Amino acid sequence: FISNHAGSGAGVSVYHAVVKNSLFEDNIAKGTNPFFGGGALLVVSDANIQNSRFIRNSAPIGGGVQLIFYPPEGVTGGSRIINNLWIDNDAVLGNGSAVAIGLDVDPLPGSYVEFTHNTVTRHARNTGSGVYAARSSVDVYNNIIERHRIGVHTTKSTALMDDNLFFDNVSNFVGVEAGPNDLTGDPKFVDAANHDYHLQPGSPAQDSGMDAGIAVDFDG
């Protein structure tokens, strides 16, 4: 899904989603509604997003992906966002450059989301948050999040954090406490300029996370 433009959900707009082994690049959601975005992907209800790349997508909120949980009876279970690469995505209004989960708006409810084993990165720091959650329950484990104004920002949400690595954010957390094994330090990517986000020897992210059942990164 490359270089698509729309008001929201420029790459894909869908009710329930299973997305695996996909590329979303240079998609732009340029609507004027501040509550709807999803530069690459807008999902109304739950989603399973794995082994995919989101590169330079943009929207007012949720530059990469926006999840909206409505109507309540349509949300069949939790969402999983696992083992993905997020590069230079942008939320123009600041919330969720990579992912925006839920909305702080009545009567829209939240839901449960597992955000695990993702790399959320930028080549230059932006003014928004990497991951944003509103009125939701979020588990944020085993991720690398760097170069945002806020790494993880939650409002009216329950969030559990652990085994994440943060680097070069103005603030790693707003609205949530750090996990007992969260770290701050340079992840030492092999060649970020050319999108090689494997880890060099000596990276603080090596052998430091919990066992999430993922043997290798999606690209090996």
N, C-alpha and C. Protein backbone atom coordinates (compact mmCIF):
# COMPACT_ATOMS: atom_id res chain seq x y z
N PHE A 1 0.86 -1.17 0.00
CA PHE A 1 0.00 0.00 0.00
C PHE A 1 0.90 1.23 0.00
N ILE A 2 1.05 1.86 -1.16
CA ILE A 2 2.06 2.90 -1.31
C ILE A 2 1.45 4.15 -1.93
N SER A 3 1.71 5.29 -1.30
CA SER A 3 1.38 6.63 -1.84
C SER A 3 -0.10 6.81 -2.11
N ASN A 4 -0.93 6.39 -1.16
CA ASN A 4 -2.37 6.63 -1.26
C ASN A 4 -2.75 7.85 -0.42
N HIS A 5 -3.79 8.57 -0.84
CA HIS A 5 -4.28 9.73 -0.11
C HIS A 5 -5.78 9.57 0.13
N ALA A 6 -6.23 9.96 1.32
CA ALA A 6 -7.65 9.91 1.65
C ALA A 6 -7.90 10.80 2.86
N GLY A 7 -9.18 10.98 3.20
CA GLY A 7 -9.49 11.76 4.39
C GLY A 7 -9.04 11.07 5.66
N SER A 8 -9.22 9.74 5.73
CA SER A 8 -8.73 8.91 6.83
C SER A 8 -8.51 7.50 6.29
N GLY A 9 -7.64 6.75 6.97
CA GLY A 9 -7.35 5.40 6.49
C GLY A 9 -6.86 5.40 5.06
N ALA A 10 -5.79 6.16 4.78
CA ALA A 10 -5.37 6.36 3.39
C ALA A 10 -4.93 5.07 2.72
N GLY A 11 -4.22 4.20 3.45
CA GLY A 11 -3.85 2.91 2.88
C GLY A 11 -5.04 1.97 2.85
N VAL A 12 -5.64 1.76 4.02
CA VAL A 12 -6.80 0.88 4.17
C VAL A 12 -7.67 1.41 5.29
N SER A 13 -8.98 1.41 5.09
CA SER A 13 -9.95 1.69 6.15
C SER A 13 -10.88 0.49 6.23
N VAL A 14 -10.97 -0.14 7.43
CA VAL A 14 -11.63 -1.44 7.50
C VAL A 14 -12.26 -1.66 8.86
N TYR A 15 -13.27 -2.51 8.90
CA TYR A 15 -13.91 -2.92 10.14
C TYR A 15 -13.42 -4.32 10.47
N HIS A 16 -12.69 -4.46 11.56
CA HIS A 16 -11.91 -5.65 11.90
C HIS A 16 -10.77 -5.80 10.88
N ALA A 17 -9.61 -6.20 11.32
CA ALA A 17 -8.48 -6.31 10.39
C ALA A 17 -7.51 -7.39 10.83
N VAL A 18 -7.03 -8.15 9.87
CA VAL A 18 -5.87 -9.02 10.04
C VAL A 18 -4.86 -8.58 9.00
N VAL A 19 -3.74 -8.04 9.45
CA VAL A 19 -2.71 -7.51 8.55
C VAL A 19 -1.40 -8.21 8.89
N LYS A 20 -0.83 -8.91 7.90
CA LYS A 20 0.43 -9.61 8.13
C LYS A 20 1.32 -9.47 6.90
N ASN A 21 2.63 -9.33 7.16
CA ASN A 21 3.63 -9.32 6.09
C ASN A 21 3.32 -8.27 5.02
N SER A 22 3.01 -7.07 5.46
CA SER A 22 2.59 -6.01 4.54
C SER A 22 3.51 -4.80 4.65
N LEU A 23 3.46 -3.96 3.60
CA LEU A 23 4.19 -2.71 3.57
C LEU A 23 3.21 -1.57 3.34
N PHE A 24 3.27 -0.55 4.24
CA PHE A 24 2.50 0.67 4.10
C PHE A 24 3.50 1.82 4.04
N GLU A 25 3.55 2.53 2.93
CA GLU A 25 4.60 3.54 2.75
C GLU A 25 4.05 4.79 2.06
N ASP A 26 4.34 5.95 2.63
CA ASP A 26 4.01 7.25 2.05
C ASP A 26 2.51 7.43 1.80
N ASN A 27 1.70 6.90 2.71
CA ASN A 27 0.26 7.14 2.66
C ASN A 27 -0.09 8.34 3.53
N ILE A 28 -1.05 9.15 3.09
CA ILE A 28 -1.39 10.38 3.80
C ILE A 28 -2.90 10.47 3.99
N ALA A 29 -3.32 10.51 5.25
CA ALA A 29 -4.71 10.83 5.59
C ALA A 29 -4.74 12.32 5.90
N LYS A 30 -5.40 13.08 5.07
CA LYS A 30 -5.31 14.54 5.18
C LYS A 30 -6.66 15.19 5.44
N GLY A 31 -7.55 14.47 6.10
CA GLY A 31 -8.84 15.05 6.47
C GLY A 31 -8.68 16.11 7.55
N THR A 32 -9.72 16.90 7.75
CA THR A 32 -9.67 17.98 8.73
C THR A 32 -10.28 17.60 10.07
N ASN A 33 -10.88 16.41 10.18
CA ASN A 33 -11.45 15.96 11.45
C ASN A 33 -10.33 15.54 12.38
N PRO A 34 -10.17 16.19 13.54
CA PRO A 34 -9.04 15.88 14.41
C PRO A 34 -9.14 14.53 15.10
N PHE A 35 -10.30 13.84 14.99
CA PHE A 35 -10.48 12.58 15.67
C PHE A 35 -10.27 11.36 14.77
N PHE A 36 -10.09 11.58 13.50
CA PHE A 36 -9.96 10.45 12.58
C PHE A 36 -8.71 10.62 11.73
N GLY A 37 -7.89 9.59 11.73
CA GLY A 37 -6.64 9.65 10.99
C GLY A 37 -6.30 8.30 10.38
N GLY A 38 -5.21 7.72 10.87
CA GLY A 38 -4.76 6.45 10.31
C GLY A 38 -4.15 6.64 8.95
N GLY A 39 -2.93 7.20 8.92
CA GLY A 39 -2.29 7.46 7.63
C GLY A 39 -2.18 6.22 6.78
N ALA A 40 -1.73 5.12 7.38
CA ALA A 40 -1.63 3.85 6.65
C ALA A 40 -2.90 3.03 6.79
N LEU A 41 -3.45 2.98 8.02
CA LEU A 41 -4.52 2.02 8.30
C LEU A 41 -5.44 2.57 9.38
N LEU A 42 -6.73 2.62 9.10
CA LEU A 42 -7.75 2.96 10.07
C LEU A 42 -8.60 1.72 10.31
N VAL A 43 -8.64 1.26 11.56
CA VAL A 43 -9.41 0.07 11.90
C VAL A 43 -10.50 0.45 12.88
N VAL A 44 -11.73 0.18 12.51
CA VAL A 44 -12.86 0.37 13.42
C VAL A 44 -13.16 -0.99 14.02
N SER A 45 -12.88 -1.15 15.29
CA SER A 45 -12.97 -2.40 16.04
C SER A 45 -11.58 -3.02 16.15
N ASP A 46 -11.49 -4.32 16.35
CA ASP A 46 -10.22 -4.94 16.74
C ASP A 46 -9.37 -5.33 15.54
N ALA A 47 -8.07 -5.57 15.83
CA ALA A 47 -7.11 -5.81 14.76
C ALA A 47 -6.02 -6.76 15.21
N ASN A 48 -5.45 -7.44 14.25
CA ASN A 48 -4.26 -8.27 14.44
C ASN A 48 -3.26 -7.82 13.38
N ILE A 49 -2.23 -7.11 13.82
CA ILE A 49 -1.25 -6.53 12.90
C ILE A 49 0.12 -7.09 13.24
N GLN A 50 0.72 -7.82 12.30
CA GLN A 50 1.98 -8.49 12.58
C GLN A 50 2.90 -8.45 11.37
N ASN A 51 4.20 -8.43 11.67
CA ASN A 51 5.25 -8.64 10.66
C ASN A 51 5.14 -7.68 9.49
N SER A 52 4.87 -6.41 9.78
CA SER A 52 4.66 -5.43 8.71
C SER A 52 5.51 -4.19 8.92
N ARG A 53 5.66 -3.43 7.85
CA ARG A 53 6.45 -2.20 7.88
C ARG A 53 5.56 -1.01 7.57
N PHE A 54 5.72 0.05 8.37
CA PHE A 54 4.97 1.29 8.21
C PHE A 54 5.99 2.42 8.08
N ILE A 55 6.09 3.02 6.90
CA ILE A 55 7.17 3.95 6.61
C ILE A 55 6.60 5.26 6.07
N ARG A 56 6.89 6.38 6.75
CA ARG A 56 6.55 7.73 6.31
C ARG A 56 5.06 7.90 6.00
N ASN A 57 4.22 7.37 6.84
CA ASN A 57 2.79 7.63 6.72
C ASN A 57 2.41 8.79 7.62
N SER A 58 1.34 9.50 7.26
CA SER A 58 0.99 10.71 8.00
C SER A 58 -0.52 10.85 8.12
N ALA A 59 -0.96 11.41 9.27
CA ALA A 59 -2.38 11.67 9.52
C ALA A 59 -2.49 12.67 10.67
N PRO A 60 -3.67 13.26 10.88
CA PRO A 60 -3.82 14.13 12.05
C PRO A 60 -3.57 13.40 13.36
N ILE A 61 -4.03 12.15 13.47
CA ILE A 61 -3.82 11.29 14.64
C ILE A 61 -3.56 9.88 14.13
N GLY A 62 -2.66 9.17 14.79
CA GLY A 62 -2.34 7.82 14.32
C GLY A 62 -1.68 7.84 12.96
N GLY A 63 -0.47 8.38 12.90
CA GLY A 63 0.21 8.49 11.60
C GLY A 63 0.35 7.17 10.88
N GLY A 64 0.68 6.12 11.63
CA GLY A 64 0.73 4.80 11.03
C GLY A 64 -0.62 4.12 11.07
N VAL A 65 -1.12 3.86 12.29
CA VAL A 65 -2.38 3.13 12.48
C VAL A 65 -3.22 3.83 13.53
N GLN A 66 -4.52 3.89 13.29
CA GLN A 66 -5.46 4.33 14.31
C GLN A 66 -6.50 3.23 14.52
N LEU A 67 -6.69 2.86 15.79
CA LEU A 67 -7.73 1.90 16.17
C LEU A 67 -8.85 2.64 16.88
N ILE A 68 -10.08 2.48 16.39
CA ILE A 68 -11.26 3.08 17.01
C ILE A 68 -12.22 1.94 17.35
N PHE A 69 -12.67 1.90 18.59
CA PHE A 69 -13.48 0.77 19.04
C PHE A 69 -14.95 1.18 19.10
N TYR A 70 -15.65 0.97 17.97
CA TYR A 70 -17.06 1.37 17.90
C TYR A 70 -17.75 0.58 16.80
N PRO A 71 -19.01 0.14 17.01
CA PRO A 71 -19.77 0.27 18.26
C PRO A 71 -19.30 -0.75 19.29
N PRO A 72 -19.63 -0.58 20.56
CA PRO A 72 -19.14 -1.48 21.60
C PRO A 72 -19.46 -2.94 21.33
N GLU A 73 -20.67 -3.24 20.83
CA GLU A 73 -21.04 -4.63 20.61
C GLU A 73 -20.27 -5.26 19.46
N GLY A 74 -19.59 -4.43 18.65
CA GLY A 74 -18.83 -4.97 17.54
C GLY A 74 -17.41 -5.36 17.89
N VAL A 75 -16.95 -5.00 19.08
CA VAL A 75 -15.59 -5.33 19.49
C VAL A 75 -15.59 -6.73 20.07
N THR A 76 -15.02 -7.67 19.33
CA THR A 76 -15.12 -9.07 19.70
C THR A 76 -14.01 -9.54 20.62
N GLY A 77 -12.95 -8.77 20.73
CA GLY A 77 -11.84 -9.20 21.59
C GLY A 77 -10.71 -8.20 21.50
N GLY A 78 -9.60 -8.53 22.12
CA GLY A 78 -8.47 -7.62 22.12
C GLY A 78 -7.77 -7.56 20.78
N SER A 79 -6.95 -6.54 20.62
CA SER A 79 -6.14 -6.37 19.42
C SER A 79 -4.68 -6.69 19.73
N ARG A 80 -3.96 -7.12 18.70
CA ARG A 80 -2.54 -7.46 18.85
C ARG A 80 -1.75 -6.73 17.77
N ILE A 81 -0.75 -5.99 18.20
CA ILE A 81 0.16 -5.30 17.28
C ILE A 81 1.55 -5.79 17.63
N ILE A 82 2.06 -6.72 16.84
CA ILE A 82 3.23 -7.50 17.25
C ILE A 82 4.25 -7.58 16.11
N ASN A 83 5.51 -7.29 16.45
CA ASN A 83 6.64 -7.57 15.56
C ASN A 83 6.56 -6.77 14.26
N ASN A 84 6.43 -5.44 14.40
CA ASN A 84 6.36 -4.55 13.25
C ASN A 84 7.45 -3.48 13.33
N LEU A 85 7.71 -2.86 12.19
CA LEU A 85 8.71 -1.80 12.09
C LEU A 85 8.01 -0.51 11.67
N TRP A 86 8.21 0.55 12.46
CA TRP A 86 7.57 1.85 12.23
C TRP A 86 8.67 2.89 12.04
N ILE A 87 8.73 3.51 10.85
CA ILE A 87 9.82 4.44 10.53
C ILE A 87 9.25 5.77 10.05
N ASP A 88 9.58 6.86 10.73
CA ASP A 88 9.29 8.23 10.27
C ASP A 88 7.81 8.46 9.98
N ASN A 89 6.93 7.83 10.75
CA ASN A 89 5.51 8.16 10.65
C ASN A 89 5.22 9.42 11.44
N ASP A 90 4.14 10.11 11.09
CA ASP A 90 3.90 11.42 11.69
C ASP A 90 2.42 11.63 11.99
N ALA A 91 2.12 12.01 13.23
CA ALA A 91 0.78 12.45 13.61
C ALA A 91 0.82 13.97 13.69
N VAL A 92 0.16 14.63 12.76
CA VAL A 92 0.28 16.08 12.61
C VAL A 92 -0.17 16.81 13.88
N LEU A 93 -1.20 16.28 14.55
CA LEU A 93 -1.70 16.91 15.76
C LEU A 93 -1.02 16.37 17.02
N GLY A 94 -0.07 15.44 16.86
CA GLY A 94 0.78 15.06 17.97
C GLY A 94 0.53 13.72 18.62
N ASN A 95 -0.64 13.12 18.45
CA ASN A 95 -0.96 11.90 19.19
C ASN A 95 -0.79 10.65 18.34
N GLY A 96 0.25 9.88 18.66
CA GLY A 96 0.42 8.58 18.03
C GLY A 96 1.05 8.62 16.66
N SER A 97 2.31 9.03 16.59
CA SER A 97 2.98 9.03 15.29
C SER A 97 2.96 7.64 14.66
N ALA A 98 3.19 6.62 15.45
CA ALA A 98 3.09 5.25 14.95
C ALA A 98 1.68 4.72 15.09
N VAL A 99 1.15 4.74 16.33
CA VAL A 99 -0.14 4.12 16.62
C VAL A 99 -0.94 5.00 17.58
N ALA A 100 -2.22 5.18 17.26
CA ALA A 100 -3.17 5.81 18.18
C ALA A 100 -4.26 4.81 18.49
N ILE A 101 -4.47 4.55 19.78
CA ILE A 101 -5.40 3.52 20.24
C ILE A 101 -6.54 4.20 20.98
N GLY A 102 -7.75 4.07 20.47
CA GLY A 102 -8.91 4.67 21.12
C GLY A 102 -8.96 6.18 20.95
N LEU A 103 -10.04 6.76 21.44
CA LEU A 103 -10.24 8.21 21.41
C LEU A 103 -10.79 8.66 22.75
N ASP A 104 -10.36 9.82 23.20
CA ASP A 104 -10.89 10.38 24.44
C ASP A 104 -12.14 11.18 24.12
N VAL A 105 -13.17 10.46 23.64
CA VAL A 105 -14.41 11.10 23.21
C VAL A 105 -15.58 10.20 23.62
N ASP A 106 -16.59 10.79 24.28
CA ASP A 106 -17.83 10.06 24.55
C ASP A 106 -18.63 9.95 23.24
N PRO A 107 -19.29 8.82 22.94
CA PRO A 107 -19.38 7.59 23.76
C PRO A 107 -18.41 6.50 23.30
N LEU A 108 -17.34 6.86 22.59
CA LEU A 108 -16.45 5.85 22.05
C LEU A 108 -15.73 5.12 23.18
N PRO A 109 -15.80 3.79 23.21
CA PRO A 109 -15.14 3.04 24.27
C PRO A 109 -13.70 2.72 23.89
N GLY A 110 -12.97 2.21 24.83
CA GLY A 110 -11.67 1.66 24.57
C GLY A 110 -11.74 0.16 24.50
N SER A 111 -10.59 -0.47 24.38
CA SER A 111 -10.52 -1.92 24.37
C SER A 111 -9.12 -2.31 24.82
N TYR A 112 -8.81 -3.61 24.75
CA TYR A 112 -7.49 -4.10 25.13
C TYR A 112 -6.61 -4.22 23.88
N VAL A 113 -5.36 -3.77 23.99
CA VAL A 113 -4.39 -3.88 22.90
C VAL A 113 -3.06 -4.35 23.46
N GLU A 114 -2.50 -5.36 22.83
CA GLU A 114 -1.13 -5.80 23.12
C GLU A 114 -0.20 -5.20 22.08
N PHE A 115 0.77 -4.41 22.54
CA PHE A 115 1.75 -3.78 21.66
C PHE A 115 3.12 -4.33 22.04
N THR A 116 3.60 -5.30 21.27
CA THR A 116 4.77 -6.09 21.68
C THR A 116 5.75 -6.24 20.53
N HIS A 117 7.03 -6.12 20.84
CA HIS A 117 8.13 -6.44 19.92
C HIS A 117 8.09 -5.59 18.66
N ASN A 118 7.83 -4.30 18.84
CA ASN A 118 7.85 -3.34 17.74
C ASN A 118 9.06 -2.43 17.84
N THR A 119 9.51 -1.95 16.71
CA THR A 119 10.53 -0.90 16.67
C THR A 119 9.88 0.35 16.10
N VAL A 120 9.86 1.41 16.93
CA VAL A 120 9.23 2.69 16.55
C VAL A 120 10.34 3.73 16.51
N THR A 121 10.69 4.18 15.32
CA THR A 121 11.90 4.97 15.18
C THR A 121 11.70 6.13 14.20
N ARG A 122 12.58 7.10 14.33
CA ARG A 122 12.61 8.23 13.41
C ARG A 122 14.07 8.59 13.16
N HIS A 123 14.31 9.23 12.01
CA HIS A 123 15.66 9.71 11.75
C HIS A 123 15.91 11.06 12.42
N ALA A 124 14.84 11.78 12.72
CA ALA A 124 14.95 13.03 13.48
C ALA A 124 13.77 13.10 14.43
N ARG A 125 13.99 13.66 15.62
CA ARG A 125 12.93 13.71 16.62
C ARG A 125 11.76 14.56 16.14
N ASN A 126 10.53 14.08 16.40
CA ASN A 126 9.36 14.87 16.06
C ASN A 126 8.71 15.41 17.33
N THR A 127 7.58 16.10 17.17
CA THR A 127 6.97 16.79 18.30
C THR A 127 5.79 16.02 18.90
N GLY A 128 5.56 14.80 18.46
CA GLY A 128 4.42 14.02 18.95
C GLY A 128 4.84 12.83 19.78
N SER A 129 3.86 12.00 20.09
CA SER A 129 4.11 10.76 20.82
C SER A 129 4.26 9.61 19.84
N GLY A 130 5.04 8.62 20.22
CA GLY A 130 5.17 7.44 19.38
C GLY A 130 3.94 6.57 19.43
N VAL A 131 3.49 6.27 20.66
CA VAL A 131 2.30 5.44 20.89
C VAL A 131 1.36 6.21 21.80
N TYR A 132 0.10 6.30 21.41
CA TYR A 132 -0.91 7.03 22.18
C TYR A 132 -2.10 6.11 22.45
N ALA A 133 -2.60 6.12 23.69
CA ALA A 133 -3.77 5.31 24.04
C ALA A 133 -4.74 6.13 24.87
N ALA A 134 -6.03 6.07 24.53
CA ALA A 134 -7.07 6.77 25.26
C ALA A 134 -8.19 5.79 25.60
N ARG A 135 -8.61 5.81 26.88
CA ARG A 135 -9.74 5.00 27.34
C ARG A 135 -9.56 3.52 26.98
N SER A 136 -8.37 3.02 27.09
CA SER A 136 -8.07 1.66 26.69
C SER A 136 -7.19 0.98 27.73
N SER A 137 -7.00 -0.31 27.55
CA SER A 137 -6.08 -1.10 28.36
C SER A 137 -4.99 -1.59 27.42
N VAL A 138 -3.74 -1.26 27.75
CA VAL A 138 -2.64 -1.52 26.83
C VAL A 138 -1.49 -2.20 27.56
N ASP A 139 -0.98 -3.28 26.98
CA ASP A 139 0.27 -3.90 27.42
C ASP A 139 1.36 -3.51 26.43
N VAL A 140 2.41 -2.87 26.91
CA VAL A 140 3.50 -2.40 26.05
C VAL A 140 4.78 -3.09 26.50
N TYR A 141 5.18 -4.12 25.77
CA TYR A 141 6.30 -4.97 26.17
C TYR A 141 7.29 -5.14 25.00
N ASN A 142 8.59 -5.16 25.35
CA ASN A 142 9.62 -5.59 24.40
C ASN A 142 9.70 -4.71 23.14
N ASN A 143 9.54 -3.41 23.30
CA ASN A 143 9.61 -2.51 22.15
C ASN A 143 10.82 -1.60 22.23
N ILE A 144 11.24 -1.08 21.09
CA ILE A 144 12.21 0.00 21.02
C ILE A 144 11.48 1.22 20.50
N ILE A 145 11.52 2.32 21.26
CA ILE A 145 10.81 3.54 20.88
C ILE A 145 11.79 4.71 21.03
N GLU A 146 12.06 5.40 19.92
CA GLU A 146 13.06 6.47 19.97
C GLU A 146 12.65 7.69 19.16
N ARG A 147 13.22 8.83 19.57
CA ARG A 147 13.16 10.11 18.87
C ARG A 147 11.75 10.66 18.70
N HIS A 148 11.01 10.68 19.80
CA HIS A 148 9.72 11.36 19.84
C HIS A 148 9.70 12.33 21.02
N ARG A 149 8.79 13.26 20.99
CA ARG A 149 8.63 14.14 22.15
C ARG A 149 8.20 13.31 23.36
N ILE A 150 7.29 12.36 23.14
CA ILE A 150 6.85 11.43 24.18
C ILE A 150 6.90 10.02 23.60
N GLY A 151 7.49 9.11 24.33
CA GLY A 151 7.54 7.73 23.85
C GLY A 151 6.16 7.09 23.87
N VAL A 152 5.58 6.98 25.08
CA VAL A 152 4.24 6.41 25.26
C VAL A 152 3.40 7.39 26.04
N HIS A 153 2.25 7.76 25.48
CA HIS A 153 1.34 8.73 26.10
C HIS A 153 -0.02 8.09 26.27
N THR A 154 -0.52 8.04 27.50
CA THR A 154 -1.85 7.49 27.74
C THR A 154 -2.72 8.51 28.47
N THR A 155 -4.02 8.44 28.21
CA THR A 155 -4.99 9.25 28.93
C THR A 155 -6.22 8.41 29.24
N LYS A 156 -6.63 8.43 30.51
CA LYS A 156 -7.78 7.65 30.97
C LYS A 156 -7.65 6.18 30.58
N SER A 157 -6.44 5.67 30.67
CA SER A 157 -6.15 4.29 30.25
C SER A 157 -5.41 3.54 31.34
N THR A 158 -5.42 2.23 31.22
CA THR A 158 -4.60 1.36 32.06
C THR A 158 -3.50 0.79 31.18
N ALA A 159 -2.26 1.04 31.55
CA ALA A 159 -1.15 0.57 30.73
C ALA A 159 -0.13 -0.14 31.59
N LEU A 160 0.34 -1.28 31.11
CA LEU A 160 1.41 -2.03 31.75
C LEU A 160 2.62 -1.99 30.83
N MET A 161 3.75 -1.57 31.38
CA MET A 161 4.98 -1.42 30.61
C MET A 161 6.04 -2.36 31.16
N ASP A 162 6.86 -2.92 30.28
CA ASP A 162 8.03 -3.66 30.75
C ASP A 162 8.92 -4.05 29.58
N ASP A 163 10.22 -4.10 29.86
CA ASP A 163 11.23 -4.59 28.92
C ASP A 163 11.27 -3.80 27.62
N ASN A 164 10.99 -2.51 27.70
CA ASN A 164 11.12 -1.62 26.55
C ASN A 164 12.43 -0.85 26.62
N LEU A 165 12.93 -0.45 25.47
CA LEU A 165 14.12 0.38 25.38
C LEU A 165 13.73 1.72 24.75
N PHE A 166 14.06 2.81 25.44
CA PHE A 166 13.75 4.15 24.97
C PHE A 166 15.06 4.90 24.70
N PHE A 167 15.02 5.77 23.66
CA PHE A 167 16.23 6.53 23.35
C PHE A 167 15.85 7.86 22.69
N ASP A 168 16.46 8.93 23.17
CA ASP A 168 16.38 10.25 22.56
C ASP A 168 14.94 10.76 22.45
N ASN A 169 14.10 10.42 23.42
CA ASN A 169 12.80 11.05 23.56
C ASN A 169 12.91 12.18 24.58
N VAL A 170 12.11 13.24 24.40
CA VAL A 170 12.09 14.29 25.42
C VAL A 170 11.58 13.72 26.74
N SER A 171 10.50 12.94 26.67
CA SER A 171 9.97 12.22 27.82
C SER A 171 9.56 10.83 27.35
N ASN A 172 9.97 9.82 28.09
CA ASN A 172 9.61 8.46 27.69
C ASN A 172 8.16 8.13 27.98
N PHE A 173 7.59 8.74 29.04
CA PHE A 173 6.24 8.37 29.47
C PHE A 173 5.45 9.62 29.88
N VAL A 174 4.18 9.62 29.51
CA VAL A 174 3.22 10.57 30.08
C VAL A 174 1.95 9.78 30.36
N GLY A 175 1.48 9.85 31.60
CA GLY A 175 0.26 9.15 31.98
C GLY A 175 0.44 7.69 32.33
N VAL A 176 1.67 7.22 32.39
CA VAL A 176 1.95 5.82 32.69
C VAL A 176 3.31 5.73 33.37
N GLU A 177 3.46 4.76 34.25
CA GLU A 177 4.73 4.56 34.94
C GLU A 177 5.63 3.61 34.15
N ALA A 178 6.93 3.82 34.28
CA ALA A 178 7.89 2.92 33.66
C ALA A 178 7.78 1.53 34.25
N GLY A 179 8.04 0.53 33.43
CA GLY A 179 8.08 -0.84 33.91
C GLY A 179 9.38 -1.11 34.65
N PRO A 180 9.42 -2.18 35.46
CA PRO A 180 10.60 -2.45 36.27
C PRO A 180 11.86 -2.75 35.45
N ASN A 181 11.68 -3.20 34.21
CA ASN A 181 12.84 -3.53 33.39
C ASN A 181 12.96 -2.67 32.14
N ASP A 182 12.24 -1.55 32.10
CA ASP A 182 12.42 -0.61 30.99
C ASP A 182 13.80 0.02 31.07
N LEU A 183 14.38 0.29 29.90
CA LEU A 183 15.74 0.83 29.82
C LEU A 183 15.76 2.08 28.96
N THR A 184 16.79 2.88 29.15
CA THR A 184 17.06 4.03 28.28
C THR A 184 18.48 3.89 27.76
N GLY A 185 18.64 3.97 26.43
CA GLY A 185 19.97 3.87 25.86
C GLY A 185 19.91 3.73 24.35
N ASP A 186 21.03 3.95 23.70
CA ASP A 186 21.14 3.85 22.25
C ASP A 186 20.97 2.39 21.82
N PRO A 187 19.97 2.08 20.99
CA PRO A 187 19.77 0.68 20.59
C PRO A 187 20.87 0.14 19.68
N LYS A 188 21.68 1.02 19.09
CA LYS A 188 22.80 0.61 18.23
C LYS A 188 22.32 -0.23 17.05
N PHE A 189 21.50 0.40 16.21
CA PHE A 189 21.07 -0.27 14.99
C PHE A 189 22.25 -0.42 14.03
N VAL A 190 22.20 -1.42 13.19
CA VAL A 190 23.30 -1.68 12.26
C VAL A 190 23.47 -0.54 11.27
N ASP A 191 22.39 -0.09 10.62
CA ASP A 191 22.48 0.97 9.63
C ASP A 191 21.10 1.60 9.45
N ALA A 192 20.72 2.44 10.40
CA ALA A 192 19.38 3.03 10.37
C ALA A 192 19.17 3.89 9.14
N ALA A 193 20.22 4.54 8.63
CA ALA A 193 20.08 5.40 7.47
C ALA A 193 19.57 4.63 6.26
N ASN A 194 19.88 3.35 6.22
CA ASN A 194 19.44 2.49 5.11
C ASN A 194 18.43 1.43 5.57
N HIS A 195 17.74 1.73 6.66
CA HIS A 195 16.62 0.92 7.16
C HIS A 195 17.04 -0.49 7.59
N ASP A 196 18.28 -0.62 8.07
CA ASP A 196 18.68 -1.90 8.67
C ASP A 196 18.62 -1.72 10.18
N TYR A 197 17.55 -2.22 10.77
CA TYR A 197 17.31 -2.01 12.20
C TYR A 197 17.62 -3.27 13.02
N HIS A 198 18.46 -4.14 12.47
CA HIS A 198 19.02 -5.20 13.31
C HIS A 198 19.95 -4.55 14.35
N LEU A 199 20.25 -5.27 15.39
CA LEU A 199 21.04 -4.72 16.49
C LEU A 199 22.50 -5.10 16.37
N GLN A 200 23.37 -4.14 16.64
CA GLN A 200 24.79 -4.42 16.71
C GLN A 200 25.13 -5.12 18.02
N PRO A 201 26.26 -5.83 18.06
CA PRO A 201 26.71 -6.38 19.34
C PRO A 201 26.87 -5.27 20.38
N GLY A 202 26.46 -5.54 21.58
CA GLY A 202 26.54 -4.57 22.64
C GLY A 202 25.32 -3.69 22.78
N SER A 203 24.31 -3.90 21.94
CA SER A 203 23.08 -3.12 22.10
C SER A 203 22.41 -3.46 23.41
N PRO A 204 21.92 -2.46 24.15
CA PRO A 204 21.22 -2.75 25.41
C PRO A 204 19.90 -3.50 25.20
N ALA A 205 19.44 -3.58 23.95
CA ALA A 205 18.20 -4.32 23.67
C ALA A 205 18.46 -5.82 23.48
N GLN A 206 19.70 -6.21 23.32
CA GLN A 206 20.00 -7.63 23.13
C GLN A 206 19.85 -8.38 24.45
N ASP A 207 19.12 -9.49 24.38
CA ASP A 207 18.96 -10.40 25.53
C ASP A 207 18.43 -9.69 26.77
N SER A 208 17.61 -8.65 26.57
CA SER A 208 17.12 -7.91 27.73
C SER A 208 15.61 -7.98 27.89
N GLY A 209 14.90 -8.50 26.89
CA GLY A 209 13.44 -8.54 26.96
C GLY A 209 12.92 -9.83 27.54
N MET A 210 11.61 -9.85 27.73
CA MET A 210 10.95 -11.07 28.17
C MET A 210 10.73 -11.99 26.98
N ASP A 211 10.44 -13.25 27.25
CA ASP A 211 10.13 -14.21 26.20
C ASP A 211 8.71 -13.96 25.74
N ALA A 212 8.57 -13.35 24.56
CA ALA A 212 7.24 -13.05 24.00
C ALA A 212 6.82 -14.09 22.98
N GLY A 213 7.59 -15.17 22.87
CA GLY A 213 7.24 -16.23 21.94
C GLY A 213 7.63 -15.90 20.50
N ILE A 214 8.50 -14.91 20.31
CA ILE A 214 8.94 -14.51 18.96
C ILE A 214 10.42 -14.85 18.84
N ALA A 215 10.72 -15.82 17.97
CA ALA A 215 12.10 -16.30 17.88
C ALA A 215 13.00 -15.37 17.11
N VAL A 216 12.48 -14.74 16.04
CA VAL A 216 13.27 -13.84 15.20
C VAL A 216 12.42 -12.66 14.79
N ASP A 217 13.08 -11.55 14.41
CA ASP A 217 12.35 -10.43 13.83
C ASP A 217 11.71 -10.88 12.52
N PHE A 218 10.68 -10.13 12.08
CA PHE A 218 9.91 -10.57 10.92
C PHE A 218 10.76 -10.67 9.66
N ASP A 219 11.87 -9.89 9.58
CA ASP A 219 12.71 -9.96 8.39
C ASP A 219 13.94 -10.84 8.60
N GLY A 220 13.94 -11.62 9.70
CA GLY A 220 15.06 -12.51 9.98
C GLY A 220 16.15 -11.86 10.76
